[in-house]
Amino acid sequence: MTGVKWKHYIEFIRILDSAVEQQNKLIIEYDNRLKNFFSDWRRANSN
């Protein structure tokens, strides 16, 4: 593999890692929101 192709490959992997990291952050954020909504629902249901 030539140096240019290797550089493009490394950049592609870096972009994929960044995308995966962003998706993981979104999953954590949505999970927290879901927990909050569920907590609110339990409180309302209890009332």
All heavy atoms as atom14 arrays in JSON, in Angstrom:
{
  "sequence": "MTGVKWKHYIEFIRILDSAVEQQNKLIIEYDNRLKNFFSDWRRANSN",
  "atom14_mask": [
    [1, 1, 1, 1, 1, 1, 1, 1, 0, 0, 0, 0, 0, 0],
    [1, 1, 1, 1, 1, 1, 1, 0, 0, 0, 0, 0, 0, 0],
    [1, 1, 1, 1, 0, 0, 0, 0, 0, 0, 0, 0, 0, 0],
    [1, 1, 1, 1, 1, 1, 1, 0, 0, 0, 0, 0, 0, 0],
    [1, 1, 1, 1, 1, 1, 1, 1, 1, 0, 0, 0, 0, 0],
    [1, 1, 1, 1, 1, 1, 1, 1, 1, 1, 1, 1, 1, 1],
    [1, 1, 1, 1, 1, 1, 1, 1, 1, 0, 0, 0, 0, 0],
    [1, 1, 1, 1, 1, 1, 1, 1, 1, 1, 0, 0, 0, 0],
    [1, 1, 1, 1, 1, 1, 1, 1, 1, 1, 1, 1, 0, 0],
    [1, 1, 1, 1, 1, 1, 1, 1, 0, 0, 0, 0, 0, 0],
    [1, 1, 1, 1, 1, 1, 1, 1, 1, 0, 0, 0, 0, 0],
    [1, 1, 1, 1, 1, 1, 1, 1, 1, 1, 1, 0, 0, 0],
    [1, 1, 1, 1, 1, 1, 1, 1, 0, 0, 0, 0, 0, 0],
    [1, 1, 1, 1, 1, 1, 1, 1, 1, 1, 1, 0, 0, 0],
    [1, 1, 1, 1, 1, 1, 1, 1, 0, 0, 0, 0, 0, 0],
    [1, 1, 1, 1, 1, 1, 1, 1, 0, 0, 0, 0, 0, 0],
    [1, 1, 1, 1, 1, 1, 1, 1, 0, 0, 0, 0, 0, 0],
    [1, 1, 1, 1, 1, 1, 0, 0, 0, 0, 0, 0, 0, 0],
    [1, 1, 1, 1, 1, 0, 0, 0, 0, 0, 0, 0, 0, 0],
    [1, 1, 1, 1, 1, 1, 1, 0, 0, 0, 0, 0, 0, 0],
    [1, 1, 1, 1, 1, 1, 1, 1, 1, 0, 0, 0, 0, 0],
    [1, 1, 1, 1, 1, 1, 1, 1, 1, 0, 0, 0, 0, 0],
    [1, 1, 1, 1, 1, 1, 1, 1, 1, 0, 0, 0, 0, 0],
    [1, 1, 1, 1, 1, 1, 1, 1, 0, 0, 0, 0, 0, 0],
    [1, 1, 1, 1, 1, 1, 1, 1, 1, 0, 0, 0, 0, 0],
    [1, 1, 1, 1, 1, 1, 1, 1, 0, 0, 0, 0, 0, 0],
    [1, 1, 1, 1, 1, 1, 1, 1, 0, 0, 0, 0, 0, 0],
    [1, 1, 1, 1, 1, 1, 1, 1, 0, 0, 0, 0, 0, 0],
    [1, 1, 1, 1, 1, 1, 1, 1, 1, 0, 0, 0, 0, 0],
    [1, 1, 1, 1, 1, 1, 1, 1, 1, 1, 1, 1, 0, 0],
    [1, 1, 1, 1, 1, 1, 1, 1, 0, 0, 0, 0, 0, 0],
    [1, 1, 1, 1, 1, 1, 1, 1, 0, 0, 0, 0, 0, 0],
    [1, 1, 1, 1, 1, 1, 1, 1, 1, 1, 1, 0, 0, 0],
    [1, 1, 1, 1, 1, 1, 1, 1, 0, 0, 0, 0, 0, 0],
    [1, 1, 1, 1, 1, 1, 1, 1, 1, 0, 0, 0, 0, 0],
    [1, 1, 1, 1, 1, 1, 1, 1, 0, 0, 0, 0, 0, 0],
    [1, 1, 1, 1, 1, 1, 1, 1, 1, 1, 1, 0, 0, 0],
    [1, 1, 1, 1, 1, 1, 1, 1, 1, 1, 1, 0, 0, 0],
    [1, 1, 1, 1, 1, 1, 0, 0, 0, 0, 0, 0, 0, 0],
    [1, 1, 1, 1, 1, 1, 1, 1, 0, 0, 0, 0, 0, 0],
    [1, 1, 1, 1, 1, 1, 1, 1, 1, 1, 1, 1, 1, 1],
    [1, 1, 1, 1, 1, 1, 1, 1, 1, 1, 1, 0, 0, 0],
    [1, 1, 1, 1, 1, 1, 1, 1, 1, 1, 1, 0, 0, 0],
    [1, 1, 1, 1, 1, 0, 0, 0, 0, 0, 0, 0, 0, 0],
    [1, 1, 1, 1, 1, 1, 1, 1, 0, 0, 0, 0, 0, 0],
    [1, 1, 1, 1, 1, 1, 0, 0, 0, 0, 0, 0, 0, 0],
    [1, 1, 1, 1, 1, 1, 1, 1, 0, 0, 0, 0, 0, 0]
  ],
  "atom14_positions": [
    [[0.86, -1.17, 0.0], [0.0, 0.0, 0.0], [0.91, 1.24, 0.0], [1.85, 1.33, 0.77], [-0.88, -0.02, 1.26], [-1.99, 0.97, 1.18], [-3.01, 1.1, 2.67], [-3.95, -0.37, 2.72], [0.0, 0.0, 0.0], [0.0, 0.0, 0.0], [0.0, 0.0, 0.0], [0.0, 0.0, 0.0], [0.0, 0.0, 0.0], [0.0, 0.0, 0.0]],
    [[0.58, 2.17, -0.87], [1.4, 3.38, -0.97], [1.13, 4.31, 0.2], [0.14, 4.16, 0.92], [1.09, 4.12, -2.29], [-0.25, 4.58, -2.24], [1.33, 3.24, -3.5], [0.0, 0.0, 0.0], [0.0, 0.0, 0.0], [0.0, 0.0, 0.0], [0.0, 0.0, 0.0], [0.0, 0.0, 0.0], [0.0, 0.0, 0.0], [0.0, 0.0, 0.0]],
    [[2.01, 5.25, 0.38], [1.9, 6.19, 1.49], [0.62, 7.02, 1.44], [-0.01, 7.3, 2.46], [0.0, 0.0, 0.0], [0.0, 0.0, 0.0], [0.0, 0.0, 0.0], [0.0, 0.0, 0.0], [0.0, 0.0, 0.0], [0.0, 0.0, 0.0], [0.0, 0.0, 0.0], [0.0, 0.0, 0.0], [0.0, 0.0, 0.0], [0.0, 0.0, 0.0]],
    [[0.22, 7.44, 0.24], [-0.99, 8.25, 0.09], [-2.22, 7.42, 0.44], [-3.11, 7.89, 1.15], [-1.08, 8.8, -1.35], [-2.41, 9.49, -1.59], [0.07, 9.74, -1.66], [0.0, 0.0, 0.0], [0.0, 0.0, 0.0], [0.0, 0.0, 0.0], [0.0, 0.0, 0.0], [0.0, 0.0, 0.0], [0.0, 0.0, 0.0], [0.0, 0.0, 0.0]],
    [[-2.25, 6.18, -0.05], [-3.39, 5.31, 0.27], [-3.44, 5.03, 1.78], [-4.52, 5.0, 2.37], [-3.3, 4.0, -0.51], [-3.61, 4.14, -1.98], [-3.6, 2.81, -2.66], [-3.92, 2.95, -4.14], [-3.92, 1.67, -4.83], [0.0, 0.0, 0.0], [0.0, 0.0, 0.0], [0.0, 0.0, 0.0], [0.0, 0.0, 0.0], [0.0, 0.0, 0.0]],
    [[-2.26, 4.82, 2.34], [-2.2, 4.56, 3.8], [-2.72, 5.78, 4.57], [-3.47, 5.65, 5.53], [-0.77, 4.22, 4.2], [-0.65, 3.86, 5.65], [-0.08, 4.6, 6.62], [-1.13, 2.68, 6.29], [-0.17, 3.97, 7.83], [-0.81, 2.77, 7.64], [-1.79, 1.53, 5.83], [-1.13, 1.8, 8.56], [-2.11, 0.56, 6.74], [-1.79, 0.68, 8.11]],
    [[-2.34, 6.96, 4.13], [-2.79, 8.2, 4.77], [-4.31, 8.34, 4.65], [-4.98, 8.71, 5.62], [-2.09, 9.39, 4.12], [-2.35, 10.71, 4.77], [-1.53, 11.8, 4.1], [-1.86, 13.14, 4.71], [-1.16, 14.23, 4.06], [0.0, 0.0, 0.0], [0.0, 0.0, 0.0], [0.0, 0.0, 0.0], [0.0, 0.0, 0.0], [0.0, 0.0, 0.0]],
    [[-4.87, 8.05, 3.47], [-6.32, 8.1, 3.27], [-7.03, 7.06, 4.15], [-8.1, 7.34, 4.71], [-6.69, 7.9, 1.79], [-6.34, 9.06, 0.92], [-6.91, 10.3, 1.05], [-5.47, 9.15, -0.11], [-6.41, 11.1, 0.16], [-5.53, 10.44, -0.59], [0.0, 0.0, 0.0], [0.0, 0.0, 0.0], [0.0, 0.0, 0.0], [0.0, 0.0, 0.0]],
    [[-6.42, 5.89, 4.25], [-7.0, 4.82, 5.08], [-7.03, 5.25, 6.54], [-8.05, 5.09, 7.23], [-6.2, 3.52, 4.91], [-6.67, 2.42, 5.8], [-7.84, 1.72, 5.53], [-5.93, 2.06, 6.93], [-8.28, 0.71, 6.35], [-6.36, 1.04, 7.77], [-7.52, 0.36, 7.48], [-7.95, -0.63, 8.3], [0.0, 0.0, 0.0], [0.0, 0.0, 0.0]],
    [[-5.94, 5.81, 7.03], [-5.86, 6.28, 8.42], [-6.9, 7.38, 8.64], [-7.58, 7.4, 9.68], [-4.43, 6.77, 8.76], [-3.43, 5.63, 8.68], [-4.39, 7.44, 10.13], [-3.65, 4.53, 9.7], [0.0, 0.0, 0.0], [0.0, 0.0, 0.0], [0.0, 0.0, 0.0], [0.0, 0.0, 0.0], [0.0, 0.0, 0.0], [0.0, 0.0, 0.0]],
    [[-7.03, 8.3, 7.69], [-8.03, 9.38, 7.81], [-9.44, 8.81, 7.82], [-10.3, 9.26, 8.59], [-7.85, 10.37, 6.65], [-8.74, 11.58, 6.74], [-8.47, 12.44, 7.96], [-7.36, 12.44, 8.52], [-9.43, 13.11, 8.4], [0.0, 0.0, 0.0], [0.0, 0.0, 0.0], [0.0, 0.0, 0.0], [0.0, 0.0, 0.0], [0.0, 0.0, 0.0]],
    [[-9.71, 7.82, 7.0], [-11.01, 7.16, 6.96], [-11.32, 6.5, 8.31], [-12.42, 6.64, 8.85], [-11.02, 6.11, 5.83], [-12.26, 5.28, 5.8], [-13.48, 5.81, 5.4], [-12.22, 3.93, 6.2], [-14.62, 5.03, 5.38], [-13.35, 3.16, 6.19], [-14.56, 3.7, 5.77], [0.0, 0.0, 0.0], [0.0, 0.0, 0.0], [0.0, 0.0, 0.0]],
    [[-10.35, 5.8, 8.87], [-10.53, 5.15, 10.18], [-10.78, 6.22, 11.25], [-11.63, 6.06, 12.13], [-9.3, 4.28, 10.54], [-9.15, 3.12, 9.56], [-9.39, 3.78, 11.97], [-10.31, 2.15, 9.56], [0.0, 0.0, 0.0], [0.0, 0.0, 0.0], [0.0, 0.0, 0.0], [0.0, 0.0, 0.0], [0.0, 0.0, 0.0], [0.0, 0.0, 0.0]],
    [[-10.04, 7.33, 11.21], [-10.23, 8.41, 12.17], [-11.65, 8.98, 12.06], [-12.3, 9.26, 13.07], [-9.18, 9.5, 11.91], [-9.07, 10.49, 13.05], [-7.92, 11.47, 12.88], [-6.64, 10.78, 12.81], [-5.73, 10.98, 11.86], [-5.93, 11.84, 10.9], [-4.6, 10.3, 11.85], [0.0, 0.0, 0.0], [0.0, 0.0, 0.0], [0.0, 0.0, 0.0]],
    [[-12.15, 9.16, 10.84], [-13.51, 9.66, 10.63], [-14.53, 8.65, 11.18], [-15.51, 9.04, 11.84], [-13.77, 9.95, 9.13], [-12.96, 11.17, 8.68], [-15.24, 10.19, 8.86], [-12.96, 11.4, 7.18], [0.0, 0.0, 0.0], [0.0, 0.0, 0.0], [0.0, 0.0, 0.0], [0.0, 0.0, 0.0], [0.0, 0.0, 0.0], [0.0, 0.0, 0.0]],
    [[-14.32, 7.37, 10.92], [-15.21, 6.34, 11.47], [-15.2, 6.35, 12.99], [-16.26, 6.26, 13.63], [-14.81, 4.96, 10.96], [-15.23, 4.59, 9.54], [-14.74, 3.18, 9.2], [-16.74, 4.64, 9.4], [0.0, 0.0, 0.0], [0.0, 0.0, 0.0], [0.0, 0.0, 0.0], [0.0, 0.0, 0.0], [0.0, 0.0, 0.0], [0.0, 0.0, 0.0]],
    [[-14.03, 6.46, 13.59], [-13.93, 6.51, 15.06], [-14.69, 7.72, 15.6], [-15.4, 7.62, 16.61], [-12.47, 6.58, 15.51], [-11.78, 5.23, 15.46], [-12.49, 4.2, 15.43], [-10.53, 5.2, 15.47], [0.0, 0.0, 0.0], [0.0, 0.0, 0.0], [0.0, 0.0, 0.0], [0.0, 0.0, 0.0], [0.0, 0.0, 0.0], [0.0, 0.0, 0.0]],
    [[-14.55, 8.85, 14.91], [-15.25, 10.06, 15.34], [-16.77, 9.86, 15.24], [-17.52, 10.26, 16.14], [-14.82, 11.24, 14.47], [-15.55, 12.38, 14.79], [0.0, 0.0, 0.0], [0.0, 0.0, 0.0], [0.0, 0.0, 0.0], [0.0, 0.0, 0.0], [0.0, 0.0, 0.0], [0.0, 0.0, 0.0], [0.0, 0.0, 0.0], [0.0, 0.0, 0.0]],
    [[-17.21, 9.25, 14.15], [-18.65, 9.01, 13.97], [-19.18, 8.06, 15.05], [-20.25, 8.28, 15.62], [-18.92, 8.44, 12.58], [0.0, 0.0, 0.0], [0.0, 0.0, 0.0], [0.0, 0.0, 0.0], [0.0, 0.0, 0.0], [0.0, 0.0, 0.0], [0.0, 0.0, 0.0], [0.0, 0.0, 0.0], [0.0, 0.0, 0.0], [0.0, 0.0, 0.0]],
    [[-18.42, 7.0, 15.34], [-18.83, 6.05, 16.38], [-18.88, 6.75, 17.73], [-19.81, 6.55, 18.52], [-17.88, 4.83, 16.4], [-18.11, 3.99, 17.64], [-18.05, 4.0, 15.14], [0.0, 0.0, 0.0], [0.0, 0.0, 0.0], [0.0, 0.0, 0.0], [0.0, 0.0, 0.0], [0.0, 0.0, 0.0], [0.0, 0.0, 0.0], [0.0, 0.0, 0.0]],
    [[-17.9, 7.59, 18.02], [-17.87, 8.33, 19.28], [-19.08, 9.26, 19.4], [-19.72, 9.34, 20.45], [-16.58, 9.13, 19.38], [-16.39, 9.83, 20.71], [-15.06, 10.56, 20.77], [-14.08, 10.11, 20.15], [-15.04, 11.61, 21.44], [0.0, 0.0, 0.0], [0.0, 0.0, 0.0], [0.0, 0.0, 0.0], [0.0, 0.0, 0.0], [0.0, 0.0, 0.0]],
    [[-19.42, 9.95, 18.31], [-20.59, 10.83, 18.32], [-21.87, 10.03, 18.55], [-22.75, 10.44, 19.31], [-20.7, 11.6, 17.01], [-19.67, 12.69, 16.85], [-19.76, 13.35, 15.48], [-20.55, 12.95, 14.63], [-18.93, 14.37, 15.27], [0.0, 0.0, 0.0], [0.0, 0.0, 0.0], [0.0, 0.0, 0.0], [0.0, 0.0, 0.0], [0.0, 0.0, 0.0]],
    [[-21.97, 8.86, 17.9], [-23.15, 8.02, 18.09], [-23.25, 7.51, 19.52], [-24.33, 7.46, 20.1], [-23.13, 6.84, 17.1], [-23.36, 7.24, 15.66], [-24.7, 7.92, 15.47], [-25.71, 7.44, 15.94], [-24.69, 9.06, 14.79], [0.0, 0.0, 0.0], [0.0, 0.0, 0.0], [0.0, 0.0, 0.0], [0.0, 0.0, 0.0], [0.0, 0.0, 0.0]],
    [[-22.12, 7.15, 20.11], [-22.13, 6.7, 21.5], [-22.57, 7.82, 22.44], [-23.3, 7.57, 23.4], [-20.76, 6.17, 21.9], [-20.47, 4.8, 21.31], [-21.39, 4.06, 20.96], [-19.19, 4.47, 21.18], [0.0, 0.0, 0.0], [0.0, 0.0, 0.0], [0.0, 0.0, 0.0], [0.0, 0.0, 0.0], [0.0, 0.0, 0.0], [0.0, 0.0, 0.0]],
    [[-22.13, 9.05, 22.18], [-22.55, 10.19, 22.99], [-24.06, 10.39, 22.86], [-24.75, 10.66, 23.85], [-21.81, 11.45, 22.57], [-20.37, 11.5, 23.04], [-19.69, 12.78, 22.58], [-18.22, 12.79, 22.99], [-17.52, 14.0, 22.52], [0.0, 0.0, 0.0], [0.0, 0.0, 0.0], [0.0, 0.0, 0.0], [0.0, 0.0, 0.0], [0.0, 0.0, 0.0]],
    [[-24.58, 10.28, 21.64], [-26.03, 10.41, 21.43], [-26.8, 9.32, 22.17], [-27.84, 9.58, 22.78], [-26.37, 10.36, 19.94], [-26.19, 11.64, 19.16], [-26.46, 11.4, 17.67], [-27.13, 12.71, 19.68], [0.0, 0.0, 0.0], [0.0, 0.0, 0.0], [0.0, 0.0, 0.0], [0.0, 0.0, 0.0], [0.0, 0.0, 0.0], [0.0, 0.0, 0.0]],
    [[-26.28, 8.11, 22.11], [-26.94, 7.0, 22.81], [-26.98, 7.27, 24.31], [-28.02, 7.08, 24.96], [-26.24, 5.66, 22.5], [-26.51, 5.25, 21.06], [-26.68, 4.57, 23.47], [-25.69, 4.07, 20.59], [0.0, 0.0, 0.0], [0.0, 0.0, 0.0], [0.0, 0.0, 0.0], [0.0, 0.0, 0.0], [0.0, 0.0, 0.0], [0.0, 0.0, 0.0]],
    [[-25.88, 7.74, 24.87], [-25.85, 8.06, 26.3], [-26.82, 9.19, 26.63], [-27.55, 9.13, 27.61], [-24.4, 8.41, 26.73], [-23.53, 7.15, 26.69], [-24.38, 9.02, 28.12], [-22.04, 7.43, 26.85], [0.0, 0.0, 0.0], [0.0, 0.0, 0.0], [0.0, 0.0, 0.0], [0.0, 0.0, 0.0], [0.0, 0.0, 0.0], [0.0, 0.0, 0.0]],
    [[-26.84, 10.22, 25.78], [-27.75, 11.35, 26.0], [-29.2, 10.88, 25.94], [-30.01, 11.22, 26.82], [-27.52, 12.43, 24.94], [-28.44, 13.62, 25.07], [-28.27, 14.61, 23.93], [-27.2, 14.63, 23.3], [-29.22, 15.38, 23.69], [0.0, 0.0, 0.0], [0.0, 0.0, 0.0], [0.0, 0.0, 0.0], [0.0, 0.0, 0.0], [0.0, 0.0, 0.0]],
    [[-29.55, 10.1, 24.94], [-30.93, 9.61, 24.81], [-31.28, 8.64, 25.94], [-32.41, 8.63, 26.42], [-31.16, 8.96, 23.45], [-31.24, 9.96, 22.32], [-30.67, 9.7, 21.09], [-31.88, 11.18, 22.48], [-30.74, 10.61, 20.05], [-31.96, 12.1, 21.45], [-31.38, 11.81, 20.24], [-31.47, 12.72, 19.22], [0.0, 0.0, 0.0], [0.0, 0.0, 0.0]],
    [[-30.31, 7.86, 26.37], [-30.55, 6.96, 27.49], [-30.85, 7.75, 28.76], [-31.78, 7.41, 29.51], [-29.33, 6.06, 27.7], [-29.6, 4.95, 28.69], [-30.67, 4.32, 28.61], [-28.74, 4.71, 29.57], [0.0, 0.0, 0.0], [0.0, 0.0, 0.0], [0.0, 0.0, 0.0], [0.0, 0.0, 0.0], [0.0, 0.0, 0.0], [0.0, 0.0, 0.0]],
    [[-30.1, 8.82, 28.99], [-30.36, 9.68, 30.15], [-31.73, 10.35, 30.06], [-32.46, 10.43, 31.05], [-29.27, 10.73, 30.32], [-27.97, 10.13, 30.78], [-27.94, 9.09, 31.41], [-26.86, 10.79, 30.45], [0.0, 0.0, 0.0], [0.0, 0.0, 0.0], [0.0, 0.0, 0.0], [0.0, 0.0, 0.0], [0.0, 0.0, 0.0], [0.0, 0.0, 0.0]],
    [[-32.07, 10.83, 28.87], [-33.39, 11.45, 28.68], [-34.49, 10.43, 28.91], [-35.51, 10.74, 29.53], [-33.5, 12.04, 27.28], [-32.66, 13.29, 27.1], [-32.68, 13.82, 25.69], [-34.02, 14.26, 25.32], [-34.36, 14.62, 24.1], [-33.47, 14.58, 23.13], [-35.59, 15.01, 23.84], [0.0, 0.0, 0.0], [0.0, 0.0, 0.0], [0.0, 0.0, 0.0]],
    [[-34.29, 9.22, 28.42], [-35.28, 8.16, 28.61], [-35.45, 7.84, 30.09], [-36.57, 7.68, 30.58], [-34.87, 6.91, 27.83], [-35.85, 5.74, 27.86], [-37.18, 6.15, 27.23], [-35.25, 4.55, 27.13], [0.0, 0.0, 0.0], [0.0, 0.0, 0.0], [0.0, 0.0, 0.0], [0.0, 0.0, 0.0], [0.0, 0.0, 0.0], [0.0, 0.0, 0.0]],
    [[-34.34, 7.78, 30.83], [-34.42, 7.54, 32.28], [-35.2, 8.66, 32.97], [-36.01, 8.4, 33.86], [-33.02, 7.42, 32.88], [-32.33, 6.13, 32.55], [-30.92, 6.09, 33.11], [-30.2, 4.82, 32.68], [-28.81, 4.79, 33.11], [0.0, 0.0, 0.0], [0.0, 0.0, 0.0], [0.0, 0.0, 0.0], [0.0, 0.0, 0.0], [0.0, 0.0, 0.0]],
    [[-34.94, 9.91, 32.57], [-35.67, 11.04, 33.15], [-37.16, 10.97, 32.84], [-37.99, 11.21, 33.72], [-35.09, 12.37, 32.67], [-33.72, 12.64, 33.23], [-33.35, 12.11, 34.27], [-32.95, 13.46, 32.54], [0.0, 0.0, 0.0], [0.0, 0.0, 0.0], [0.0, 0.0, 0.0], [0.0, 0.0, 0.0], [0.0, 0.0, 0.0], [0.0, 0.0, 0.0]],
    [[-37.48, 10.66, 31.59], [-38.89, 10.53, 31.21], [-39.56, 9.4, 31.98], [-40.7, 9.54, 32.45], [-39.05, 10.3, 29.7], [-38.77, 11.51, 28.86], [-38.04, 11.38, 27.69], [-39.22, 12.76, 29.23], [-37.77, 12.49, 26.9], [-38.96, 13.88, 28.44], [-38.23, 13.74, 27.28], [0.0, 0.0, 0.0], [0.0, 0.0, 0.0], [0.0, 0.0, 0.0]],
    [[-38.86, 8.29, 32.13], [-39.42, 7.16, 32.86], [-39.63, 7.52, 34.33], [-40.64, 7.16, 34.93], [-38.52, 5.93, 32.73], [-39.12, 4.69, 33.33], [-40.25, 4.11, 32.79], [-38.55, 4.12, 34.45], [-40.81, 2.98, 33.35], [-39.09, 2.98, 35.02], [-40.22, 2.42, 34.47], [0.0, 0.0, 0.0], [0.0, 0.0, 0.0], [0.0, 0.0, 0.0]],
    [[-38.69, 8.25, 34.9], [-38.82, 8.7, 36.28], [-40.03, 9.62, 36.43], [-40.82, 9.48, 37.39], [-37.55, 9.42, 36.71], [-37.68, 9.93, 38.0], [0.0, 0.0, 0.0], [0.0, 0.0, 0.0], [0.0, 0.0, 0.0], [0.0, 0.0, 0.0], [0.0, 0.0, 0.0], [0.0, 0.0, 0.0], [0.0, 0.0, 0.0], [0.0, 0.0, 0.0]],
    [[-40.19, 10.55, 35.5], [-41.36, 11.44, 35.52], [-42.65, 10.64, 35.38], [-43.65, 10.92, 36.05], [-41.27, 12.48, 34.4], [-40.16, 13.49, 34.63], [-39.65, 13.57, 35.77], [-39.79, 14.18, 33.66], [0.0, 0.0, 0.0], [0.0, 0.0, 0.0], [0.0, 0.0, 0.0], [0.0, 0.0, 0.0], [0.0, 0.0, 0.0], [0.0, 0.0, 0.0]],
    [[-42.63, 9.65, 34.49], [-43.83, 8.82, 34.29], [-44.18, 8.06, 35.57], [-45.34, 7.98, 35.95], [-43.6, 7.83, 33.15], [-44.77, 6.94, 32.94], [-45.88, 7.2, 32.21], [-44.95, 5.63, 33.5], [-46.75, 6.15, 32.27], [-46.2, 5.17, 33.06], [-44.19, 4.83, 34.33], [-46.7, 3.93, 33.43], [-44.68, 3.59, 34.69], [-45.93, 3.16, 34.25]],
    [[-43.15, 7.48, 36.23], [-43.41, 6.75, 37.48], [-44.0, 7.67, 38.54], [-44.93, 7.29, 39.25], [-42.14, 6.1, 38.0], [-41.86, 4.75, 37.4], [-40.69, 4.11, 38.06], [-39.54, 4.96, 37.74], [-38.35, 4.86, 38.29], [-38.13, 3.98, 39.21], [-37.36, 5.65, 37.93], [0.0, 0.0, 0.0], [0.0, 0.0, 0.0], [0.0, 0.0, 0.0]],
    [[-43.48, 8.89, 38.63], [-43.99, 9.85, 39.6], [-45.46, 10.2, 39.27], [-46.32, 10.21, 40.15], [-43.13, 11.11, 39.6], [-43.36, 12.02, 40.76], [-42.4, 13.22, 40.78], [-41.0, 12.86, 40.56], [-40.31, 13.15, 39.46], [-40.87, 13.79, 38.47], [-39.05, 12.8, 39.34], [0.0, 0.0, 0.0], [0.0, 0.0, 0.0], [0.0, 0.0, 0.0]],
    [[-45.73, 10.47, 38.01], [-47.1, 10.8, 37.6], [-48.03, 9.61, 37.81], [-49.17, 9.78, 38.25], [-47.12, 11.24, 36.13], [0.0, 0.0, 0.0], [0.0, 0.0, 0.0], [0.0, 0.0, 0.0], [0.0, 0.0, 0.0], [0.0, 0.0, 0.0], [0.0, 0.0, 0.0], [0.0, 0.0, 0.0], [0.0, 0.0, 0.0], [0.0, 0.0, 0.0]],
    [[-47.55, 8.42, 37.5], [-48.36, 7.23, 37.68], [-48.66, 7.0, 39.16], [-49.76, 6.6, 39.53], [-47.66, 6.01, 37.08], [-48.55, 4.8, 37.0], [-49.73, 4.92, 36.66], [-48.02, 3.64, 37.31], [0.0, 0.0, 0.0], [0.0, 0.0, 0.0], [0.0, 0.0, 0.0], [0.0, 0.0, 0.0], [0.0, 0.0, 0.0], [0.0, 0.0, 0.0]],
    [[-47.68, 7.27, 40.0], [-47.88, 7.13, 41.45], [-48.94, 8.12, 41.93], [-49.82, 7.75, 42.72], [-46.56, 7.37, 42.18], [-46.75, 7.34, 43.56], [0.0, 0.0, 0.0], [0.0, 0.0, 0.0], [0.0, 0.0, 0.0], [0.0, 0.0, 0.0], [0.0, 0.0, 0.0], [0.0, 0.0, 0.0], [0.0, 0.0, 0.0], [0.0, 0.0, 0.0]],
    [[-48.88, 9.35, 41.44], [-49.9, 10.34, 41.79], [-51.27, 9.89, 41.3], [-52.27, 10.03, 42.01], [-49.56, 11.71, 41.2], [-48.38, 12.36, 41.89], [-48.04, 12.0, 43.0], [-47.76, 13.3, 41.22], [0.0, 0.0, 0.0], [0.0, 0.0, 0.0], [0.0, 0.0, 0.0], [0.0, 0.0, 0.0], [0.0, 0.0, 0.0], [0.0, 0.0, 0.0]]
  ]
}
